Amino acid sequence: MKASKRLSGWKMTLVMGAGLVLGGTAAQAGVNAPNAQDLSGNQAKRQIAVVIDDFGNGMKGTEQMLGLPIKLTVAVMPFLPTTKQDAEAAYSKGHDVIVHMPMEPVRGLRSWLGPGAITTDLPDEEIRKRVQAAIADVPHAIGMNNHMGSKATADPRVMRVVLQVCKEQGLFFLDSRTSFKTVVPKIAEEVGIVTLHNDVFLDDVYTQNHVLHQIGVLKKFLAKNERCIVIGHVGPPGLYTSGVLKNAIPDLQSQATFVPITQLLPSPEPLAYGQK
């Protein structure tokens, strides 16, 4: 199923919105919060969107993550041995699927990025071709986020091409925020595309104790904000992250609702009477 069919309810916002950037509180985002309510029905319930990166290469923790009793956003790398298998498995379980686009970091080997990566030395047309090919390679993709990318997401020229292709294909963009120099919000406003951004990394350090600590960071963030986007990974930390999440879910559900990331996107504005 193509992105345009899955996202028909708000695709107009992708095309017409002037770079709406979401994340943090609804007031900060400048949009109304989704109509999620607590059991009393009197107060909007806080929301958590869990994004899990690095699917597509048969990584450790894949089965455990997909088996969690919550809705996930599954970020699948293109052109890898289990790209299509992982995307189909996630989709069959009702999870949102997005492209986990390899992008150049400030430090690190290019070999870490995998095939089809976006690097800052590429001309515009090659970037465009690579983004289009990546979208086509990940079944059911409705959005994109960056894999690594601390250098690429700080490059206005590169991100203008990436975001333009996402807009043309009806995808939103999730900024993983691997760099404090990111230009995604600024360029998204110029291009006119909906973007969101990561609030908390769960496993940027590969230890169980760190993941446990980050759950605490998540709780503190939720105490001050209505919604939180968190990113974890399969691979080296996969079993730690899936195990800690599984144990933390009941407690977190007493404070917030787990939602697919598409629920944090804005609904399209109704057209004025007589407008076409």
C-alpha atoms as a PDB file:
ATOM      1  CA  MET A   1       0.000   0.000   0.000  1.00  0.00           C
ATOM      2  CA  LYS A   2       1.391   3.364  -0.995  1.00  0.00           C
ATOM      3  CA  ALA A   3       1.936   6.197   1.447  1.00  0.00           C
ATOM      4  CA  SER A   4      -0.680   8.323  -0.241  1.00  0.00           C
ATOM      5  CA  LYS A   5      -3.378   5.768   0.594  1.00  0.00           C
ATOM      6  CA  ARG A   6      -2.310   5.252   4.204  1.00  0.00           C
ATOM      7  CA  LEU A   7      -2.083   8.981   4.829  1.00  0.00           C
ATOM      8  CA  SER A   8      -4.963  10.397   2.857  1.00  0.00           C
ATOM      9  CA  GLY A   9      -6.467  11.956   5.993  1.00  0.00           C
ATOM     10  CA  TRP A  10      -3.678  14.454   6.407  1.00  0.00           C
ATOM     11  CA  LYS A  11      -1.699  14.421   3.176  1.00  0.00           C
ATOM     12  CA  MET A  12      -3.132  17.817   2.250  1.00  0.00           C
ATOM     13  CA  THR A  13      -1.330  19.209   5.281  1.00  0.00           C
ATOM     14  CA  LEU A  14       1.931  17.767   3.985  1.00  0.00           C
ATOM     15  CA  VAL A  15       1.482  19.544   0.699  1.00  0.00           C
ATOM     16  CA  MET A  16      -0.033  22.801   1.930  1.00  0.00           C
ATOM     17  CA  GLY A  17       1.400  23.194   5.436  1.00  0.00           C
ATOM     18  CA  ALA A  18       4.168  25.712   5.847  1.00  0.00           C
ATOM     19  CA  GLY A  19       6.796  23.527   7.486  1.00  0.00           C
ATOM     20  CA  LEU A  20       4.851  22.595  10.608  1.00  0.00           C
ATOM     21  CA  VAL A  21       7.283  21.232  13.164  1.00  0.00           C
ATOM     22  CA  LEU A  22       5.942  18.971  15.898  1.00  0.00           C
ATOM     23  CA  GLY A  23       7.402  17.681  19.134  1.00  0.00           C
ATOM     24  CA  GLY A  24       7.215  18.724  22.746  1.00  0.00           C
ATOM     25  CA  THR A  25       3.948  20.291  23.843  1.00  0.00           C
ATOM     26  CA  ALA A  26       1.048  21.096  21.594  1.00  0.00           C
ATOM     27  CA  ALA A  27       1.462  24.749  22.524  1.00  0.00           C
ATOM     28  CA  GLN A  28       5.085  24.682  21.359  1.00  0.00           C
ATOM     29  CA  ALA A  29       4.067  22.997  18.115  1.00  0.00           C
ATOM     30  CA  GLY A  30       1.311  25.502  17.448  1.00  0.00           C
ATOM     31  CA  VAL A  31      -1.339  22.835  16.774  1.00  0.00           C
ATOM     32  CA  ASN A  32      -4.161  21.275  18.699  1.00  0.00           C
ATOM     33  CA  ALA A  33      -3.330  18.021  20.477  1.00  0.00           C
ATOM     34  CA  PRO A  34      -5.005  14.853  19.131  1.00  0.00           C
ATOM     35  CA  ASN A  35      -8.283  13.924  20.804  1.00  0.00           C
ATOM     36  CA  ALA A  36      -6.820  11.344  23.181  1.00  0.00           C
ATOM     37  CA  GLN A  37      -8.478  11.391  26.583  1.00  0.00           C
ATOM     38  CA  ASP A  38      -7.925   9.689  29.897  1.00  0.00           C
ATOM     39  CA  LEU A  39     -10.536   7.423  31.406  1.00  0.00           C
ATOM     40  CA  SER A  40     -12.333  10.335  33.050  1.00  0.00           C
ATOM     41  CA  GLY A  41     -12.666  12.066  29.691  1.00  0.00           C
ATOM     42  CA  ASN A  42     -11.808  15.400  31.291  1.00  0.00           C
ATOM     43  CA  GLN A  43      -8.168  15.794  30.403  1.00  0.00           C
ATOM     44  CA  ALA A  44      -6.069  15.064  27.334  1.00  0.00           C
ATOM     45  CA  LYS A  45      -3.801  12.110  28.109  1.00  0.00           C
ATOM     46  CA  ARG A  46      -0.092  12.351  27.495  1.00  0.00           C
ATOM     47  CA  GLN A  47       1.257  10.463  24.511  1.00  0.00           C
ATOM     48  CA  ILE A  48       4.406   8.475  23.779  1.00  0.00           C
ATOM     49  CA  ALA A  49       5.498   7.509  20.267  1.00  0.00           C
ATOM     50  CA  VAL A  50       8.214   4.837  20.294  1.00  0.00           C
ATOM     51  CA  VAL A  51      10.412   4.725  17.187  1.00  0.00           C
ATOM     52  CA  ILE A  52      12.749   1.768  16.764  1.00  0.00           C
ATOM     53  CA  ASP A  53      15.599   2.252  14.279  1.00  0.00           C
ATOM     54  CA  ASP A  54      17.913  -0.055  12.319  1.00  0.00           C
ATOM     55  CA  PHE A  55      15.526  -2.732  11.076  1.00  0.00           C
ATOM     56  CA  GLY A  56      16.444  -4.351   7.766  1.00  0.00           C
ATOM     57  CA  ASN A  57      19.541  -6.405   8.522  1.00  0.00           C
ATOM     58  CA  GLY A  58      18.254  -9.213  10.736  1.00  0.00           C
ATOM     59  CA  MET A  59      19.485  -7.377  13.809  1.00  0.00           C
ATOM     60  CA  LYS A  60      19.402  -8.611  17.408  1.00  0.00           C
ATOM     61  CA  GLY A  61      16.126  -7.787  19.133  1.00  0.00           C
ATOM     62  CA  THR A  62      14.026  -7.626  15.957  1.00  0.00           C
ATOM     63  CA  GLU A  63      11.555 -10.301  17.052  1.00  0.00           C
ATOM     64  CA  GLN A  64      11.407  -8.970  20.610  1.00  0.00           C
ATOM     65  CA  MET A  65      10.690  -5.399  19.482  1.00  0.00           C
ATOM     66  CA  LEU A  66       7.944  -6.446  17.075  1.00  0.00           C
ATOM     67  CA  GLY A  67       6.408  -8.509  19.870  1.00  0.00           C
ATOM     68  CA  LEU A  68       6.005  -5.592  22.290  1.00  0.00           C
ATOM     69  CA  PRO A  69       2.341  -4.996  23.244  1.00  0.00           C
ATOM     70  CA  ILE A  70       2.315  -1.385  22.005  1.00  0.00           C
ATOM     71  CA  LYS A  71       2.140   0.366  18.673  1.00  0.00           C
ATOM     72  CA  LEU A  72       5.590   1.204  17.323  1.00  0.00           C
ATOM     73  CA  THR A  73       7.057   3.202  14.492  1.00  0.00           C
ATOM     74  CA  VAL A  74       9.476   0.861  12.747  1.00  0.00           C
ATOM     75  CA  ALA A  75      12.346   2.569  10.918  1.00  0.00           C
ATOM     76  CA  VAL A  76      13.689   0.221   8.242  1.00  0.00           C
ATOM     77  CA  MET A  77      16.977   0.728   6.409  1.00  0.00           C
ATOM     78  CA  PRO A  78      16.749   0.253   2.628  1.00  0.00           C
ATOM     79  CA  PHE A  79      18.650  -2.188   0.403  1.00  0.00           C
ATOM     80  CA  LEU A  80      19.507  -4.691   3.157  1.00  0.00           C
ATOM     81  CA  PRO A  81      18.837  -8.454   3.428  1.00  0.00           C
ATOM     82  CA  THR A  82      15.688  -8.217   5.597  1.00  0.00           C
ATOM     83  CA  THR A  83      14.438  -4.784   4.524  1.00  0.00           C
ATOM     84  CA  LYS A  84      11.249  -6.051   2.935  1.00  0.00           C
ATOM     85  CA  GLN A  85      10.732  -8.861   5.447  1.00  0.00           C
ATOM     86  CA  ASP A  86      10.964  -6.516   8.442  1.00  0.00           C
ATOM     87  CA  ALA A  87       8.767  -3.865   6.837  1.00  0.00           C
ATOM     88  CA  GLU A  88       6.081  -6.416   5.994  1.00  0.00           C
ATOM     89  CA  ALA A  89       6.222  -7.951   9.471  1.00  0.00           C
ATOM     90  CA  ALA A  90       5.849  -4.538  11.093  1.00  0.00           C
ATOM     91  CA  TYR A  91       2.991  -3.543   8.802  1.00  0.00           C
ATOM     92  CA  SER A  92       1.161  -6.819   9.438  1.00  0.00           C
ATOM     93  CA  LYS A  93       1.195  -6.002  13.167  1.00  0.00           C
ATOM     94  CA  GLY A  94      -0.280  -2.557  12.568  1.00  0.00           C
ATOM     95  CA  HIS A  95       2.915  -0.578  13.188  1.00  0.00           C
ATOM     96  CA  ASP A  96       3.835   2.557  11.254  1.00  0.00           C
ATOM     97  CA  VAL A  97       6.740   1.935   8.855  1.00  0.00           C
ATOM     98  CA  ILE A  98       9.234   4.626   7.865  1.00  0.00           C
ATOM     99  CA  VAL A  99      12.452   4.704   5.849  1.00  0.00           C
ATOM    100  CA  HIS A 100      15.570   4.855   8.012  1.00  0.00           C
ATOM    101  CA  MET A 101      17.677   6.834   5.545  1.00  0.00           C
ATOM    102  CA  PRO A 102      21.465   6.431   5.882  1.00  0.00           C
ATOM    103  CA  MET A 103      23.035   9.884   5.992  1.00  0.00           C
ATOM    104  CA  GLU A 104      26.575  11.123   6.468  1.00  0.00           C
ATOM    105  CA  PRO A 105      27.803  11.739  10.047  1.00  0.00           C
ATOM    106  CA  VAL A 106      30.451  14.190  11.182  1.00  0.00           C
ATOM    107  CA  ARG A 107      32.548  11.305  12.456  1.00  0.00           C
ATOM    108  CA  GLY A 108      32.548   7.637  11.552  1.00  0.00           C
ATOM    109  CA  LEU A 109      33.232   5.432   8.560  1.00  0.00           C
ATOM    110  CA  ARG A 110      31.072   5.600   5.476  1.00  0.00           C
ATOM    111  CA  SER A 111      30.987   1.803   5.520  1.00  0.00           C
ATOM    112  CA  TRP A 112      28.809   2.061   8.640  1.00  0.00           C
ATOM    113  CA  LEU A 113      26.081   3.750   6.639  1.00  0.00           C
ATOM    114  CA  GLY A 114      25.165   0.887   4.336  1.00  0.00           C
ATOM    115  CA  PRO A 115      24.146   1.078   0.666  1.00  0.00           C
ATOM    116  CA  GLY A 116      22.484   4.088  -0.933  1.00  0.00           C
ATOM    117  CA  ALA A 117      23.637   6.577   1.705  1.00  0.00           C
ATOM    118  CA  ILE A 118      23.223  10.342   1.364  1.00  0.00           C
ATOM    119  CA  THR A 119      26.567  12.127   1.625  1.00  0.00           C
ATOM    120  CA  THR A 120      27.287  15.818   1.350  1.00  0.00           C
ATOM    121  CA  ASP A 121      29.564  15.443  -1.692  1.00  0.00           C
ATOM    122  CA  LEU A 122      26.734  14.119  -3.881  1.00  0.00           C
ATOM    123  CA  PRO A 123      25.109  16.388  -6.482  1.00  0.00           C
ATOM    124  CA  ASP A 124      21.445  17.247  -6.096  1.00  0.00           C
ATOM    125  CA  GLU A 125      20.227  14.830  -8.758  1.00  0.00           C
ATOM    126  CA  GLU A 126      22.054  11.871  -7.207  1.00  0.00           C
ATOM    127  CA  ILE A 127      20.620  12.706  -3.779  1.00  0.00           C
ATOM    128  CA  ARG A 128      17.173  12.834  -5.333  1.00  0.00           C
ATOM    129  CA  LYS A 129      17.633   9.438  -7.023  1.00  0.00           C
ATOM    130  CA  ARG A 130      18.894   7.815  -3.835  1.00  0.00           C
ATOM    131  CA  VAL A 131      16.020   9.117  -1.711  1.00  0.00           C
ATOM    132  CA  GLN A 132      13.467   8.028  -4.302  1.00  0.00           C
ATOM    133  CA  ALA A 133      15.053   4.573  -4.532  1.00  0.00           C
ATOM    134  CA  ALA A 134      15.105   4.179  -0.743  1.00  0.00           C
ATOM    135  CA  ILE A 135      11.413   5.039  -0.474  1.00  0.00           C
ATOM    136  CA  ALA A 136      10.602   2.540  -3.197  1.00  0.00           C
ATOM    137  CA  ASP A 137      12.633  -0.184  -1.457  1.00  0.00           C
ATOM    138  CA  VAL A 138      10.811  -0.064   1.909  1.00  0.00           C
ATOM    139  CA  PRO A 139       7.262  -1.434   1.642  1.00  0.00           C
ATOM    140  CA  HIS A 140       4.484   0.571   3.321  1.00  0.00           C
ATOM    141  CA  ALA A 141       6.767   3.504   4.180  1.00  0.00           C
ATOM    142  CA  ILE A 142       4.816   6.605   5.193  1.00  0.00           C
ATOM    143  CA  GLY A 143       7.688   8.692   6.545  1.00  0.00           C
ATOM    144  CA  MET A 144      11.450   8.939   6.849  1.00  0.00           C
ATOM    145  CA  ASN A 145      14.057   9.577   9.527  1.00  0.00           C
ATOM    146  CA  ASN A 146      17.827   9.861   9.413  1.00  0.00           C
ATOM    147  CA  HIS A 147      20.247   7.057  10.233  1.00  0.00           C
ATOM    148  CA  MET A 148      23.274   8.832  11.709  1.00  0.00           C
ATOM    149  CA  GLY A 149      23.375  12.019   9.610  1.00  0.00           C
ATOM    150  CA  SER A 150      24.925  14.593  11.930  1.00  0.00           C
ATOM    151  CA  LYS A 151      26.733  16.135   8.953  1.00  0.00           C
ATOM    152  CA  ALA A 152      23.999  15.741   6.343  1.00  0.00           C
ATOM    153  CA  THR A 153      21.181  17.125   8.504  1.00  0.00           C
ATOM    154  CA  ALA A 154      23.254  20.252   9.102  1.00  0.00           C
ATOM    155  CA  ASP A 155      23.652  20.865   5.350  1.00  0.00           C
ATOM    156  CA  PRO A 156      20.873  23.097   3.903  1.00  0.00           C
ATOM    157  CA  ARG A 157      21.444  22.017   0.286  1.00  0.00           C
ATOM    158  CA  VAL A 158      21.296  18.311   1.079  1.00  0.00           C
ATOM    159  CA  MET A 159      18.247  18.565   3.309  1.00  0.00           C
ATOM    160  CA  ARG A 160      16.383  20.744   0.823  1.00  0.00           C
ATOM    161  CA  VAL A 161      16.588  17.923  -1.739  1.00  0.00           C
ATOM    162  CA  VAL A 162      15.739  15.194   0.783  1.00  0.00           C
ATOM    163  CA  LEU A 163      12.721  17.042   2.162  1.00  0.00           C
ATOM    164  CA  GLN A 164      11.495  18.026  -1.285  1.00  0.00           C
ATOM    165  CA  VAL A 165      11.443  14.370  -2.376  1.00  0.00           C
ATOM    166  CA  CYS A 166       9.647  13.373   0.833  1.00  0.00           C
ATOM    167  CA  LYS A 167       7.043  16.049   0.172  1.00  0.00           C
ATOM    168  CA  GLU A 168       6.565  14.885  -3.420  1.00  0.00           C
ATOM    169  CA  GLN A 169       6.120  11.292  -2.242  1.00  0.00           C
ATOM    170  CA  GLY A 170       3.678  12.205   0.528  1.00  0.00           C
ATOM    171  CA  LEU A 171       6.042  11.318   3.397  1.00  0.00           C
ATOM    172  CA  PHE A 172       6.663  13.245   6.597  1.00  0.00           C
ATOM    173  CA  PHE A 173      10.191  13.574   8.005  1.00  0.00           C
ATOM    174  CA  LEU A 174      11.262  12.739  11.551  1.00  0.00           C
ATOM    175  CA  ASP A 175      14.461  14.501  12.573  1.00  0.00           C
ATOM    176  CA  SER A 176      16.374  12.096  14.820  1.00  0.00           C
ATOM    177  CA  ARG A 177      18.327  15.138  16.033  1.00  0.00           C
ATOM    178  CA  THR A 178      21.763  13.588  15.892  1.00  0.00           C
ATOM    179  CA  SER A 179      23.171  17.118  15.608  1.00  0.00           C
ATOM    180  CA  PHE A 180      22.356  20.310  17.484  1.00  0.00           C
ATOM    181  CA  LYS A 181      23.198  22.070  14.198  1.00  0.00           C
ATOM    182  CA  THR A 182      20.290  20.466  12.353  1.00  0.00           C
ATOM    183  CA  VAL A 183      18.695  22.643   9.668  1.00  0.00           C
ATOM    184  CA  VAL A 184      15.640  20.419   9.262  1.00  0.00           C
ATOM    185  CA  PRO A 185      13.125  22.816  10.905  1.00  0.00           C
ATOM    186  CA  LYS A 186      14.303  25.786   8.827  1.00  0.00           C
ATOM    187  CA  ILE A 187      14.385  23.935   5.505  1.00  0.00           C
ATOM    188  CA  ALA A 188      11.075  22.189   6.237  1.00  0.00           C
ATOM    189  CA  GLU A 189       9.457  25.597   6.593  1.00  0.00           C
ATOM    190  CA  GLU A 190      10.880  26.658   3.233  1.00  0.00           C
ATOM    191  CA  VAL A 191       9.814  23.436   1.494  1.00  0.00           C
ATOM    192  CA  GLY A 192       6.414  23.240   3.183  1.00  0.00           C
ATOM    193  CA  ILE A 193       6.524  19.764   4.709  1.00  0.00           C
ATOM    194  CA  VAL A 194       5.421  18.354   8.039  1.00  0.00           C
ATOM    195  CA  THR A 195       8.279  17.286  10.287  1.00  0.00           C
ATOM    196  CA  LEU A 196       8.599  15.911  13.788  1.00  0.00           C
ATOM    197  CA  HIS A 197      11.642  15.504  15.997  1.00  0.00           C
ATOM    198  CA  ASN A 198      13.107  13.071  18.489  1.00  0.00           C
ATOM    199  CA  ASP A 199      12.927  14.024  22.162  1.00  0.00           C
ATOM    200  CA  VAL A 200      14.768  11.185  23.934  1.00  0.00           C
ATOM    201  CA  PHE A 201      17.256   8.530  22.810  1.00  0.00           C
ATOM    202  CA  LEU A 202      16.714   5.381  24.855  1.00  0.00           C
ATOM    203  CA  ASP A 203      19.939   3.566  24.057  1.00  0.00           C
ATOM    204  CA  ASP A 204      22.613   5.924  22.794  1.00  0.00           C
ATOM    205  CA  VAL A 205      24.822   4.018  25.262  1.00  0.00           C
ATOM    206  CA  TYR A 206      24.595   0.245  24.890  1.00  0.00           C
ATOM    207  CA  THR A 207      23.939  -0.846  28.477  1.00  0.00           C
ATOM    208  CA  GLN A 208      20.830  -1.929  30.339  1.00  0.00           C
ATOM    209  CA  ASN A 209      21.507   0.585  33.108  1.00  0.00           C
ATOM    210  CA  HIS A 210      21.596   3.423  30.587  1.00  0.00           C
ATOM    211  CA  VAL A 211      18.286   2.362  29.026  1.00  0.00           C
ATOM    212  CA  LEU A 212      16.766   2.245  32.518  1.00  0.00           C
ATOM    213  CA  HIS A 213      18.119   5.744  33.169  1.00  0.00           C
ATOM    214  CA  GLN A 214      16.608   7.008  29.914  1.00  0.00           C
ATOM    215  CA  ILE A 215      13.199   5.689  30.918  1.00  0.00           C
ATOM    216  CA  GLY A 216      13.540   8.063  33.856  1.00  0.00           C
ATOM    217  CA  VAL A 217      14.436  10.874  31.457  1.00  0.00           C
ATOM    218  CA  LEU A 218      11.316  10.014  29.450  1.00  0.00           C
ATOM    219  CA  LYS A 219       9.142  10.241  32.573  1.00  0.00           C
ATOM    220  CA  LYS A 220      10.590  13.631  33.469  1.00  0.00           C
ATOM    221  CA  PHE A 221       9.963  14.880  29.944  1.00  0.00           C
ATOM    222  CA  LEU A 222       6.343  13.704  30.113  1.00  0.00           C
ATOM    223  CA  ALA A 223       5.883  15.531  33.406  1.00  0.00           C
ATOM    224  CA  LYS A 224       6.378  18.807  31.526  1.00  0.00           C
ATOM    225  CA  ASN A 225       5.148  17.948  28.024  1.00  0.00           C
ATOM    226  CA  GLU A 226       1.997  16.430  26.544  1.00  0.00           C
ATOM    227  CA  ARG A 227       3.805  14.189  24.082  1.00  0.00           C
ATOM    228  CA  CYS A 228       7.184  12.574  23.685  1.00  0.00           C
ATOM    229  CA  ILE A 229       8.915  10.880  20.767  1.00  0.00           C
ATOM    230  CA  VAL A 230      11.560   8.383  21.857  1.00  0.00           C
ATOM    231  CA  ILE A 231      14.025   6.467  19.692  1.00  0.00           C
ATOM    232  CA  GLY A 232      15.530   3.070  20.417  1.00  0.00           C
ATOM    233  CA  HIS A 233      17.318   0.503  18.291  1.00  0.00           C
ATOM    234  CA  VAL A 234      17.576  -3.107  17.309  1.00  0.00           C
ATOM    235  CA  GLY A 235      21.135  -4.356  16.990  1.00  0.00           C
ATOM    236  CA  PRO A 236      23.730  -4.193  19.804  1.00  0.00           C
ATOM    237  CA  PRO A 237      21.314  -2.652  22.362  1.00  0.00           C
ATOM    238  CA  GLY A 238      18.248  -4.427  20.970  1.00  0.00           C
ATOM    239  CA  LEU A 239      17.698  -6.972  23.735  1.00  0.00           C
ATOM    240  CA  TYR A 240      18.413  -4.430  26.478  1.00  0.00           C
ATOM    241  CA  THR A 241      16.028  -1.879  25.003  1.00  0.00           C
ATOM    242  CA  SER A 242      13.218  -4.325  24.251  1.00  0.00           C
ATOM    243  CA  GLY A 243      13.511  -5.903  27.706  1.00  0.00           C
ATOM    244  CA  VAL A 244      13.500  -2.601  29.579  1.00  0.00           C
ATOM    245  CA  LEU A 245      10.618  -1.287  27.475  1.00  0.00           C
ATOM    246  CA  LYS A 246       8.569  -4.435  28.043  1.00  0.00           C
ATOM    247  CA  ASN A 247       8.955  -4.102  31.804  1.00  0.00           C
ATOM    248  CA  ALA A 248       8.338  -0.343  31.797  1.00  0.00           C
ATOM    249  CA  ILE A 249       5.190  -0.373  29.655  1.00  0.00           C
ATOM    250  CA  PRO A 250       2.647  -0.966  32.475  1.00  0.00           C
ATOM    251  CA  ASP A 251       4.037   1.899  34.555  1.00  0.00           C
ATOM    252  CA  LEU A 252       4.281   4.229  31.575  1.00  0.00           C
ATOM    253  CA  GLN A 253       0.712   3.402  30.544  1.00  0.00           C
ATOM    254  CA  SER A 254      -0.474   4.811  33.870  1.00  0.00           C
ATOM    255  CA  GLN A 255       0.926   8.174  32.754  1.00  0.00           C
ATOM    256  CA  ALA A 256       0.502   8.170  28.999  1.00  0.00           C
ATOM    257  CA  THR A 257      -0.869   6.405  25.944  1.00  0.00           C
ATOM    258  CA  PHE A 258       1.449   4.728  23.452  1.00  0.00           C
ATOM    259  CA  VAL A 259       0.548   5.919  19.965  1.00  0.00           C
ATOM    260  CA  PRO A 260       1.842   5.413  16.436  1.00  0.00           C
ATOM    261  CA  ILE A 261       3.786   8.433  15.287  1.00  0.00           C
ATOM    262  CA  THR A 262       1.136   9.270  12.695  1.00  0.00           C
ATOM    263  CA  GLN A 263      -1.189  10.149  15.579  1.00  0.00           C
ATOM    264  CA  LEU A 264       1.115  13.054  16.393  1.00  0.00           C
ATOM    265  CA  LEU A 265       0.706  14.505  12.910  1.00  0.00           C
ATOM    266  CA  PRO A 266      -1.816  17.297  12.449  1.00  0.00           C
ATOM    267  CA  SER A 267      -5.223  16.730  10.933  1.00  0.00           C
ATOM    268  CA  PRO A 268      -5.796  18.694   7.737  1.00  0.00           C
ATOM    269  CA  GLU A 269      -7.574  21.992   8.126  1.00  0.00           C
ATOM    270  CA  PRO A 270     -11.136  21.879   6.751  1.00  0.00           C
ATOM    271  CA  LEU A 271     -11.635  23.864   3.589  1.00  0.00           C
ATOM    272  CA  ALA A 272     -13.644  27.063   3.882  1.00  0.00           C
ATOM    273  CA  TYR A 273     -17.198  26.922   2.564  1.00  0.00           C
ATOM    274  CA  GLY A 274     -17.235  27.113  -1.199  1.00  0.00           C
ATOM    275  CA  GLN A 275     -13.465  26.702  -1.479  1.00  0.00           C
ATOM    276  CA  LYS A 276     -12.132  24.063  -3.888  1.00  0.00           C
END
